[in-house]
Structure formats: structure tokens, C-alpha cells
Amino acid sequence: MNLIAYFLFFVKEIIVYAVQWLQKFTDYAVQWLHKFTDYDVQWLQKFTDYAVQWFIDYAVQWLQKFTEYAVWLRRSDAIRKRDGIELAIILIH
């Protein structure tokens, strides 16, 4: 009888230890998942910020080039026409 009680106590201790280990493992897994998710969200936010910034920079550069080209076309058109008033207005601006 003593041997059976000792065996059941031993089995109970193994089960308790396994449950405690599983709880710790689950806690670590949840913490890791939170860190990974936070890192993933932070990375996605940084990537989105960089992408938006790149797009804005590219759009501004394109707009500057387009404006310069439009001004150049307008000036060259005015020079070709030799319209003194229009040429004077363009040169003033």
C-alpha cells in the first residue's frame, strides 16, 4: 500500500511539474509572440513611413522637373514668337 501511494505521489508530482513547465512555456511563447508582433508592427510602420517619404520626395522632384520643363517650354516658345511683352513678363518672373 505504501508503494502504491508513493507511486501515485510521484506521478502527481510529474504531472504538476509538467503543468508548471507548460504554463511557463506558454508564458514565454506569449511574451515572444507579443515582442514579435510589436517588432512586426514597428517594422511595418517604419516601412510605410519610408515608402510614403520616398513617394513624397519622388513626387516633389518630379513636380520640380516638370515645372522647370514647363517654364523652359514657355520661355522657348516666347523667344520663338519674339513677342516682346510676353518675353518681358517671363523674364521678370
C-alpha atoms as a PDB file:
ATOM      1  CA  MET A   1       0.000   0.000   0.000  1.00  0.00           C
ATOM      2  CA  ASN A   2       2.842   2.331   0.802  1.00  0.00           C
ATOM      3  CA  LEU A   3       4.452   1.637  -2.561  1.00  0.00           C
ATOM      4  CA  ILE A   4       1.251   2.483  -4.470  1.00  0.00           C
ATOM      5  CA  ALA A   5       0.823   5.713  -2.508  1.00  0.00           C
ATOM      6  CA  TYR A   6       4.455   6.645  -3.211  1.00  0.00           C
ATOM      7  CA  PHE A   7       3.985   5.820  -6.916  1.00  0.00           C
ATOM      8  CA  LEU A   8       0.797   7.933  -7.130  1.00  0.00           C
ATOM      9  CA  PHE A   9       2.556  10.801  -5.331  1.00  0.00           C
ATOM     10  CA  PHE A  10       5.437  10.518  -7.810  1.00  0.00           C
ATOM     11  CA  VAL A  11       3.035  10.529 -10.784  1.00  0.00           C
ATOM     12  CA  LYS A  12       1.195  13.518  -9.309  1.00  0.00           C
ATOM     13  CA  GLU A  13       4.493  15.407  -8.920  1.00  0.00           C
ATOM     14  CA  ILE A  14       5.421  14.653 -12.529  1.00  0.00           C
ATOM     15  CA  ILE A  15       2.027  15.908 -13.704  1.00  0.00           C
ATOM     16  CA  VAL A  16       2.320  19.056 -11.555  1.00  0.00           C
ATOM     17  CA  TYR A  17       5.837  19.682 -12.893  1.00  0.00           C
ATOM     18  CA  ALA A  18       4.651  19.121 -16.479  1.00  0.00           C
ATOM     19  CA  VAL A  19       1.743  21.526 -15.999  1.00  0.00           C
ATOM     20  CA  GLN A  20       4.046  24.158 -14.463  1.00  0.00           C
ATOM     21  CA  TRP A  21       6.520  23.723 -17.311  1.00  0.00           C
ATOM     22  CA  LEU A  22       3.705  24.017 -19.836  1.00  0.00           C
ATOM     23  CA  GLN A  23       2.478  27.205 -18.151  1.00  0.00           C
ATOM     24  CA  LYS A  24       5.985  28.705 -18.228  1.00  0.00           C
ATOM     25  CA  PHE A  25       6.442  27.642 -21.830  1.00  0.00           C
ATOM     26  CA  THR A  26       3.100  29.196 -22.741  1.00  0.00           C
ATOM     27  CA  ASP A  27       4.022  32.422 -20.919  1.00  0.00           C
ATOM     28  CA  TYR A  28       7.354  32.602 -22.760  1.00  0.00           C
ATOM     29  CA  ALA A  29       5.645  31.840 -26.050  1.00  0.00           C
ATOM     30  CA  VAL A  30       3.074  34.572 -25.452  1.00  0.00           C
ATOM     31  CA  GLN A  31       5.803  37.065 -24.477  1.00  0.00           C
ATOM     32  CA  TRP A  32       7.810  36.160 -27.572  1.00  0.00           C
ATOM     33  CA  LEU A  33       4.724  36.466 -29.729  1.00  0.00           C
ATOM     34  CA  HIS A  34       3.980  39.909 -28.279  1.00  0.00           C
ATOM     35  CA  LYS A  35       7.567  41.019 -28.903  1.00  0.00           C
ATOM     36  CA  PHE A  36       7.496  39.584 -32.406  1.00  0.00           C
ATOM     37  CA  THR A  37       4.151  41.219 -33.122  1.00  0.00           C
ATOM     38  CA  ASP A  38       5.357  44.549 -31.708  1.00  0.00           C
ATOM     39  CA  TYR A  39       8.512  44.275 -33.807  1.00  0.00           C
ATOM     40  CA  ASP A  40       6.476  43.355 -36.872  1.00  0.00           C
ATOM     41  CA  VAL A  41       4.136  46.308 -36.342  1.00  0.00           C
ATOM     42  CA  GLN A  42       7.070  48.667 -35.746  1.00  0.00           C
ATOM     43  CA  TRP A  43       8.801  47.387 -38.877  1.00  0.00           C
ATOM     44  CA  LEU A  44       5.626  47.814 -40.892  1.00  0.00           C
ATOM     45  CA  GLN A  45       5.180  51.361 -39.580  1.00  0.00           C
ATOM     46  CA  LYS A  46       8.798  52.238 -40.415  1.00  0.00           C
ATOM     47  CA  PHE A  47       8.493  50.679 -43.860  1.00  0.00           C
ATOM     48  CA  THR A  48       5.281  52.597 -44.502  1.00  0.00           C
ATOM     49  CA  ASP A  49       6.878  55.837 -43.286  1.00  0.00           C
ATOM     50  CA  TYR A  50       9.891  55.297 -45.561  1.00  0.00           C
ATOM     51  CA  ALA A  51       7.677  54.395 -48.506  1.00  0.00           C
ATOM     52  CA  VAL A  52       5.492  57.463 -48.020  1.00  0.00           C
ATOM     53  CA  GLN A  53       8.551  59.682 -47.584  1.00  0.00           C
ATOM     54  CA  TRP A  54      10.152  58.227 -50.719  1.00  0.00           C
ATOM     55  CA  PHE A  55       6.943  58.755 -52.683  1.00  0.00           C
ATOM     56  CA  ILE A  56       6.638  62.355 -51.482  1.00  0.00           C
ATOM     57  CA  ASP A  57      10.300  63.063 -52.296  1.00  0.00           C
ATOM     58  CA  TYR A  58       9.933  61.487 -55.725  1.00  0.00           C
ATOM     59  CA  ALA A  59       6.708  63.393 -56.402  1.00  0.00           C
ATOM     60  CA  VAL A  60       8.312  66.685 -55.351  1.00  0.00           C
ATOM     61  CA  GLN A  61      11.349  66.042 -57.553  1.00  0.00           C
ATOM     62  CA  TRP A  62       9.115  65.119 -60.473  1.00  0.00           C
ATOM     63  CA  LEU A  63       6.996  68.226 -59.926  1.00  0.00           C
ATOM     64  CA  GLN A  64      10.108  70.415 -59.808  1.00  0.00           C
ATOM     65  CA  LYS A  65      11.423  68.913 -63.046  1.00  0.00           C
ATOM     66  CA  PHE A  66       8.026  69.213 -64.685  1.00  0.00           C
ATOM     67  CA  THR A  67       7.758  72.856 -63.588  1.00  0.00           C
ATOM     68  CA  GLU A  68      11.265  73.616 -64.851  1.00  0.00           C
ATOM     69  CA  TYR A  69      10.453  71.955 -68.158  1.00  0.00           C
ATOM     70  CA  ALA A  70       7.153  73.837 -68.443  1.00  0.00           C
ATOM     71  CA  VAL A  71       8.916  77.135 -67.724  1.00  0.00           C
ATOM     72  CA  TRP A  72      11.612  76.264 -70.263  1.00  0.00           C
ATOM     73  CA  LEU A  73       8.965  75.432 -72.883  1.00  0.00           C
ATOM     74  CA  ARG A  74       7.117  78.655 -72.195  1.00  0.00           C
ATOM     75  CA  ARG A  75      10.318  80.713 -72.413  1.00  0.00           C
ATOM     76  CA  SER A  76      11.468  78.991 -75.577  1.00  0.00           C
ATOM     77  CA  ASP A  77       8.011  79.457 -77.116  1.00  0.00           C
ATOM     78  CA  ALA A  78       8.068  83.161 -76.212  1.00  0.00           C
ATOM     79  CA  ILE A  79      11.551  83.527 -77.637  1.00  0.00           C
ATOM     80  CA  ARG A  80      10.492  81.826 -80.855  1.00  0.00           C
ATOM     81  CA  LYS A  81       7.474  84.082 -81.201  1.00  0.00           C
ATOM     82  CA  ARG A  82       9.563  87.154 -80.389  1.00  0.00           C
ATOM     83  CA  ASP A  83       6.636  88.582 -78.534  1.00  0.00           C
ATOM     84  CA  GLY A  84       8.224  91.387 -76.588  1.00  0.00           C
ATOM     85  CA  ILE A  85       5.504  91.767 -73.964  1.00  0.00           C
ATOM     86  CA  GLU A  86       5.273  88.058 -73.211  1.00  0.00           C
ATOM     87  CA  LEU A  87       9.065  87.742 -73.161  1.00  0.00           C
ATOM     88  CA  ALA A  88       9.344  90.649 -70.731  1.00  0.00           C
ATOM     89  CA  ILE A  89       6.729  89.114 -68.435  1.00  0.00           C
ATOM     90  CA  ILE A  90       8.520  85.756 -68.494  1.00  0.00           C
ATOM     91  CA  LEU A  91      11.912  87.307 -67.831  1.00  0.00           C
ATOM     92  CA  ILE A  92      10.527  89.318 -64.912  1.00  0.00           C
ATOM     93  CA  HIS A  93       9.132  86.181 -63.283  1.00  0.00           C
END
